[in-house]
C-alpha atoms as a PDB file:
ATOM      1  CA  MET A   1     100.718-115.043 -96.176  1.00  0.00           C
ATOM      2  CA  ARG A   2     100.022-115.271 -92.726  1.00  0.00           C
ATOM      3  CA  ASN A   3      97.471-117.853 -91.222  1.00  0.00           C
ATOM      4  CA  TRP A   4      95.024-115.775 -89.431  1.00  0.00           C
ATOM      5  CA  ILE A   5      92.906-116.890 -86.451  1.00  0.00           C
ATOM      6  CA  THR A   6      89.414-115.925 -86.742  1.00  0.00           C
ATOM      7  CA  ARG A   7      86.410-116.213 -84.500  1.00  0.00           C
ATOM      8  CA  ALA A   8      82.785-115.012 -84.055  1.00  0.00           C
ATOM      9  CA  GLU A   9      82.926-111.673 -81.872  1.00  0.00           C
ATOM     10  CA  THR A  10      82.248-112.114 -78.192  1.00  0.00           C
ATOM     11  CA  SER A  11      80.768-109.288 -75.830  1.00  0.00           C
ATOM     12  CA  ALA A  12      84.367-108.737 -74.721  1.00  0.00           C
ATOM     13  CA  ASP A  13      85.275-107.611 -78.353  1.00  0.00           C
ATOM     14  CA  ILE A  14      82.684-104.884 -78.636  1.00  0.00           C
ATOM     15  CA  GLY A  15      85.048-102.149 -77.702  1.00  0.00           C
ATOM     16  CA  ALA A  16      87.911-103.534 -80.017  1.00  0.00           C
ATOM     17  CA  VAL A  17      85.543-103.779 -82.883  1.00  0.00           C
ATOM     18  CA  ARG A  18      84.485-100.093 -82.427  1.00  0.00           C
ATOM     19  CA  ASP A  19      88.150 -99.263 -82.167  1.00  0.00           C
ATOM     20  CA  ILE A  20      88.832-101.262 -85.535  1.00  0.00           C
ATOM     21  CA  ASN A  21      86.142 -99.217 -87.366  1.00  0.00           C
ATOM     22  CA  LEU A  22      87.294 -95.918 -85.854  1.00  0.00           C
ATOM     23  CA  ALA A  23      90.709 -96.525 -87.014  1.00  0.00           C
ATOM     24  CA  ALA A  24      90.038 -97.830 -90.544  1.00  0.00           C
ATOM     25  CA  PHE A  25      87.546 -95.284 -91.534  1.00  0.00           C
ATOM     26  CA  PRO A  26      87.943 -91.277 -91.444  1.00  0.00           C
ATOM     27  CA  THR A  27      84.446 -90.787 -89.572  1.00  0.00           C
ATOM     28  CA  SER A  28      82.756 -92.716 -86.854  1.00  0.00           C
ATOM     29  CA  GLU A  29      79.944 -93.453 -89.183  1.00  0.00           C
ATOM     30  CA  GLU A  30      80.946 -97.208 -89.683  1.00  0.00           C
ATOM     31  CA  ALA A  31      81.656 -97.588 -85.908  1.00  0.00           C
ATOM     32  CA  ASP A  32      78.238 -95.957 -85.148  1.00  0.00           C
ATOM     33  CA  LEU A  33      76.534 -98.286 -87.658  1.00  0.00           C
ATOM     34  CA  VAL A  34      77.918-101.453 -86.099  1.00  0.00           C
ATOM     35  CA  ASP A  35      76.619-100.320 -82.732  1.00  0.00           C
ATOM     36  CA  ALA A  36      73.178 -99.442 -84.054  1.00  0.00           C
ATOM     37  CA  LEU A  37      72.907-102.930 -85.843  1.00  0.00           C
ATOM     38  CA  ARG A  38      73.734-104.729 -82.669  1.00  0.00           C
ATOM     39  CA  GLU A  39      70.534-103.325 -81.215  1.00  0.00           C
ATOM     40  CA  ASP A  40      68.605-103.946 -84.533  1.00  0.00           C
ATOM     41  CA  PRO A  41      66.533-107.187 -85.270  1.00  0.00           C
ATOM     42  CA  SER A  42      68.613-107.514 -88.419  1.00  0.00           C
ATOM     43  CA  TRP A  43      71.510-108.667 -86.224  1.00  0.00           C
ATOM     44  CA  ILE A  44      72.438-112.344 -86.250  1.00  0.00           C
ATOM     45  CA  GLU A  45      74.415-113.948 -83.487  1.00  0.00           C
ATOM     46  CA  GLY A  46      77.479-115.564 -84.677  1.00  0.00           C
ATOM     47  CA  LEU A  47      77.991-113.545 -88.021  1.00  0.00           C
ATOM     48  CA  SER A  48      80.144-110.830 -86.556  1.00  0.00           C
ATOM     49  CA  PHE A  49      83.690-112.036 -87.123  1.00  0.00           C
ATOM     50  CA  VAL A  50      87.124-110.766 -85.972  1.00  0.00           C
ATOM     51  CA  SER A  51      90.706-111.940 -87.072  1.00  0.00           C
ATOM     52  CA  THR A  52      93.085-111.548 -84.283  1.00  0.00           C
ATOM     53  CA  ASP A  53      96.837-110.710 -83.918  1.00  0.00           C
ATOM     54  CA  ASP A  54      99.293-113.148 -82.279  1.00  0.00           C
ATOM     55  CA  ASP A  55      98.201-111.900 -78.864  1.00  0.00           C
ATOM     56  CA  GLY A  56      94.437-112.695 -79.633  1.00  0.00           C
ATOM     57  CA  ARG A  57      93.632-108.966 -80.072  1.00  0.00           C
ATOM     58  CA  PRO A  58      91.136-108.230 -82.703  1.00  0.00           C
ATOM     59  CA  VAL A  59      92.664-106.310 -85.764  1.00  0.00           C
ATOM     60  CA  GLY A  60      90.234-107.176 -88.475  1.00  0.00           C
ATOM     61  CA  PHE A  61      86.426-107.218 -88.798  1.00  0.00           C
ATOM     62  CA  ALA A  62      83.724-108.528 -90.956  1.00  0.00           C
ATOM     63  CA  LEU A  63      79.914-108.207 -90.241  1.00  0.00           C
ATOM     64  CA  LEU A  64      76.881-109.939 -91.957  1.00  0.00           C
ATOM     65  CA  THR A  65      73.563-108.845 -91.131  1.00  0.00           C
ATOM     66  CA  ARG A  66      70.009-109.544 -92.345  1.00  0.00           C
ATOM     67  CA  CYS A  67      68.789-107.834 -95.455  1.00  0.00           C
ATOM     68  CA  HIS A  68      66.317-108.928 -98.318  1.00  0.00           C
ATOM     69  CA  ILE A  69      66.441-109.167-102.031  1.00  0.00           C
ATOM     70  CA  GLY A  70      62.986-108.370-102.943  1.00  0.00           C
ATOM     71  CA  ASP A  71      61.108-110.486-100.369  1.00  0.00           C
ATOM     72  CA  VAL A  72      63.891-113.212-100.048  1.00  0.00           C
ATOM     73  CA  PRO A  73      65.910-113.176 -96.993  1.00  0.00           C
ATOM     74  CA  ALA A  74      69.635-112.409 -97.677  1.00  0.00           C
ATOM     75  CA  LEU A  75      72.763-111.036 -95.915  1.00  0.00           C
ATOM     76  CA  CYS A  76      74.508-107.763 -96.091  1.00  0.00           C
ATOM     77  CA  LEU A  77      78.389-107.807 -95.793  1.00  0.00           C
ATOM     78  CA  ALA A  78      79.096-104.537 -94.092  1.00  0.00           C
ATOM     79  CA  PRO A  79      81.279-103.109 -92.516  1.00  0.00           C
ATOM     80  CA  CYS A  80      84.396-104.785 -93.233  1.00  0.00           C
ATOM     81  CA  ALA A  81      87.478-103.093 -91.519  1.00  0.00           C
ATOM     82  CA  VAL A  82      91.077-103.631 -90.614  1.00  0.00           C
ATOM     83  CA  ARG A  83      93.267-101.487 -88.219  1.00  0.00           C
ATOM     84  CA  PRO A  84      95.617 -99.545 -90.651  1.00  0.00           C
ATOM     85  CA  GLU A  85      98.750-101.061 -89.403  1.00  0.00           C
ATOM     86  CA  TRP A  86      97.391-104.574 -90.413  1.00  0.00           C
ATOM     87  CA  GLN A  87      95.814-103.622 -93.899  1.00  0.00           C
ATOM     88  CA  ARG A  88      96.941-105.673 -96.831  1.00  0.00           C
ATOM     89  CA  THR A  89      98.034-108.720 -94.595  1.00  0.00           C
ATOM     90  CA  GLY A  90      95.005-110.750 -95.216  1.00  0.00           C
ATOM     91  CA  ALA A  91      93.169-109.866 -91.892  1.00  0.00           C
ATOM     92  CA  GLY A  92      90.243-108.618 -93.537  1.00  0.00           C
ATOM     93  CA  SER A  93      90.037-111.473 -96.030  1.00  0.00           C
ATOM     94  CA  ALA A  94      90.266-113.891 -93.279  1.00  0.00           C
ATOM     95  CA  ALA A  95      87.208-112.192 -91.478  1.00  0.00           C
ATOM     96  CA  VAL A  96      85.170-112.134 -94.533  1.00  0.00           C
ATOM     97  CA  ARG A  97      85.955-115.778 -95.485  1.00  0.00           C
ATOM     98  CA  ALA A  98      85.225-116.808 -91.882  1.00  0.00           C
ATOM     99  CA  ALA A  99      81.870-114.856 -91.782  1.00  0.00           C
ATOM    100  CA  LEU A 100      80.735-116.142 -95.204  1.00  0.00           C
ATOM    101  CA  ALA A 101      81.536-119.744 -94.146  1.00  0.00           C
ATOM    102  CA  ALA A 102      79.713-119.339 -90.930  1.00  0.00           C
ATOM    103  CA  ALA A 103      76.589-118.017 -92.810  1.00  0.00           C
ATOM    104  CA  ARG A 104      76.842-121.080 -95.346  1.00  0.00           C
ATOM    105  CA  ASP A 105      76.813-123.376 -92.141  1.00  0.00           C
ATOM    106  CA  MET A 106      73.905-121.687 -90.738  1.00  0.00           C
ATOM    107  CA  GLY A 107      71.921-122.228 -94.064  1.00  0.00           C
ATOM    108  CA  GLU A 108      71.991-118.752 -95.445  1.00  0.00           C
ATOM    109  CA  HIS A 109      71.821-118.538 -99.190  1.00  0.00           C
ATOM    110  CA  HIS A 110      72.561-115.086-100.394  1.00  0.00           C
ATOM    111  CA  VAL A 111      74.974-112.185 -99.574  1.00  0.00           C
ATOM    112  CA  VAL A 112      75.160-108.490-101.028  1.00  0.00           C
ATOM    113  CA  VAL A 113      77.967-106.197-100.649  1.00  0.00           C
ATOM    114  CA  LEU A 114      78.156-102.626-101.628  1.00  0.00           C
ATOM    115  CA  GLY A 115      81.999-101.958-101.798  1.00  0.00           C
ATOM    116  CA  HIS A 116      85.110-101.917-103.797  1.00  0.00           C
ATOM    117  CA  PRO A 117      84.805-103.846-107.149  1.00  0.00           C
ATOM    118  CA  ALA A 118      88.467-104.831-107.109  1.00  0.00           C
ATOM    119  CA  TYR A 119      88.386-106.453-103.765  1.00  0.00           C
ATOM    120  CA  TYR A 120      85.022-108.524-103.078  1.00  0.00           C
ATOM    121  CA  PRO A 121      85.274-110.685-106.473  1.00  0.00           C
ATOM    122  CA  ARG A 122      87.853-112.778-104.691  1.00  0.00           C
ATOM    123  CA  PHE A 123      85.359-114.169-102.529  1.00  0.00           C
ATOM    124  CA  GLY A 124      83.045-115.022-105.334  1.00  0.00           C
ATOM    125  CA  PHE A 125      81.021-111.925-105.669  1.00  0.00           C
ATOM    126  CA  SER A 126      79.868-110.616-108.869  1.00  0.00           C
ATOM    127  CA  ARG A 127      77.935-107.786-110.248  1.00  0.00           C
ATOM    128  CA  ALA A 128      74.484-107.745-108.788  1.00  0.00           C
ATOM    129  CA  SER A 129      72.910-106.050-111.740  1.00  0.00           C
ATOM    130  CA  ALA A 130      73.739-109.181-113.880  1.00  0.00           C
ATOM    131  CA  HIS A 131      71.208-110.995-111.552  1.00  0.00           C
ATOM    132  CA  GLY A 132      68.583-108.293-111.599  1.00  0.00           C
ATOM    133  CA  ILE A 133      69.468-106.969-108.204  1.00  0.00           C
ATOM    134  CA  GLY A 134      69.445-103.252-107.594  1.00  0.00           C
ATOM    135  CA  LEU A 135      69.092-100.657-104.925  1.00  0.00           C
ATOM    136  CA  THR A 136      66.790 -97.605-104.533  1.00  0.00           C
ATOM    137  CA  ILE A 137      69.844 -95.287-104.494  1.00  0.00           C
ATOM    138  CA  ASP A 138      72.276 -94.630-107.232  1.00  0.00           C
ATOM    139  CA  VAL A 139      75.699 -96.211-106.867  1.00  0.00           C
ATOM    140  CA  PRO A 140      78.269 -97.422-109.372  1.00  0.00           C
ATOM    141  CA  ASP A 141      76.980-100.398-110.954  1.00  0.00           C
ATOM    142  CA  GLU A 142      80.123-102.318-110.288  1.00  0.00           C
ATOM    143  CA  ALA A 143      80.004-101.377-106.589  1.00  0.00           C
ATOM    144  CA  LEU A 144      76.960-103.631-105.764  1.00  0.00           C
ATOM    145  CA  MET A 145      77.844-107.093-105.935  1.00  0.00           C
ATOM    146  CA  ALA A 146      76.130-110.472-104.874  1.00  0.00           C
ATOM    147  CA  LEU A 147      77.040-113.860-103.987  1.00  0.00           C
ATOM    148  CA  ALA A 148      75.105-117.172-103.969  1.00  0.00           C
ATOM    149  CA  LEU A 149      76.418-119.172-101.048  1.00  0.00           C
ATOM    150  CA  ASP A 150      75.398-122.537-102.554  1.00  0.00           C
ATOM    151  CA  ALA A 151      74.551-123.576-106.169  1.00  0.00           C
ATOM    152  CA  GLY A 152      71.122-124.981-105.233  1.00  0.00           C
ATOM    153  CA  HIS A 153      69.879-121.404-104.373  1.00  0.00           C
ATOM    154  CA  PRO A 154      70.806-119.040-107.236  1.00  0.00           C
ATOM    155  CA  LEU A 155      70.426-115.298-106.563  1.00  0.00           C
ATOM    156  CA  PRO A 156      67.180-113.994-106.802  1.00  0.00           C
ATOM    157  CA  GLY A 157      66.427-110.791-108.713  1.00  0.00           C
ATOM    158  CA  GLY A 158      64.944-107.582-106.856  1.00  0.00           C
ATOM    159  CA  THR A 159      65.588-104.602-104.795  1.00  0.00           C
ATOM    160  CA  VAL A 160      67.934-104.784-101.901  1.00  0.00           C
ATOM    161  CA  ARG A 161      66.221-103.740 -98.599  1.00  0.00           C
ATOM    162  CA  TYR A 162      68.804-103.061 -95.915  1.00  0.00           C
ATOM    163  CA  ALA A 163      68.310-102.903 -92.228  1.00  0.00           C
ATOM    164  CA  ALA A 164      66.974 -99.566 -90.929  1.00  0.00           C
ATOM    165  CA  PRO A 165      70.338 -98.484 -89.436  1.00  0.00           C
ATOM    166  CA  PHE A 166      71.868 -98.412 -92.923  1.00  0.00           C
ATOM    167  CA  GLY A 167      69.391 -95.727 -93.947  1.00  0.00           C
ATOM    168  CA  ILE A 168      68.965 -96.963 -97.423  1.00  0.00           C
END
């Protein structure tokens, strides 16, 4: 397994981050979402992470933005993306781990993700419904997952309220 360099995105990375999302997904929906989130109050400086290749070019990406579980502030992990030629190399996992560590260091307590149930448990995510966490839309139960970043703040129950650009 390669030892990835990860760092918070800078303004110089914005184009590369858009390119990563355009390459990783079949439509521009995720790339457009990231652009919209950058302009939204849910954006938290320092919680957009890239993993870079040996030349310092971003190839993986993970973003945490503000959401709420009921009335409790939390973070939403989305989107996560890796350029196709770098997928399954650990670039995405490295960016996710770096973003979660930065959130923990900032004093954040809870993270939710709507994603592949076989991928996110490696970071400590578990089925959100087991904690009384749900959405206002129908999704497969196993796809909505949550994580407490520290044992002193167990996950609250409630409905996840995403930032407006998510449209949920």
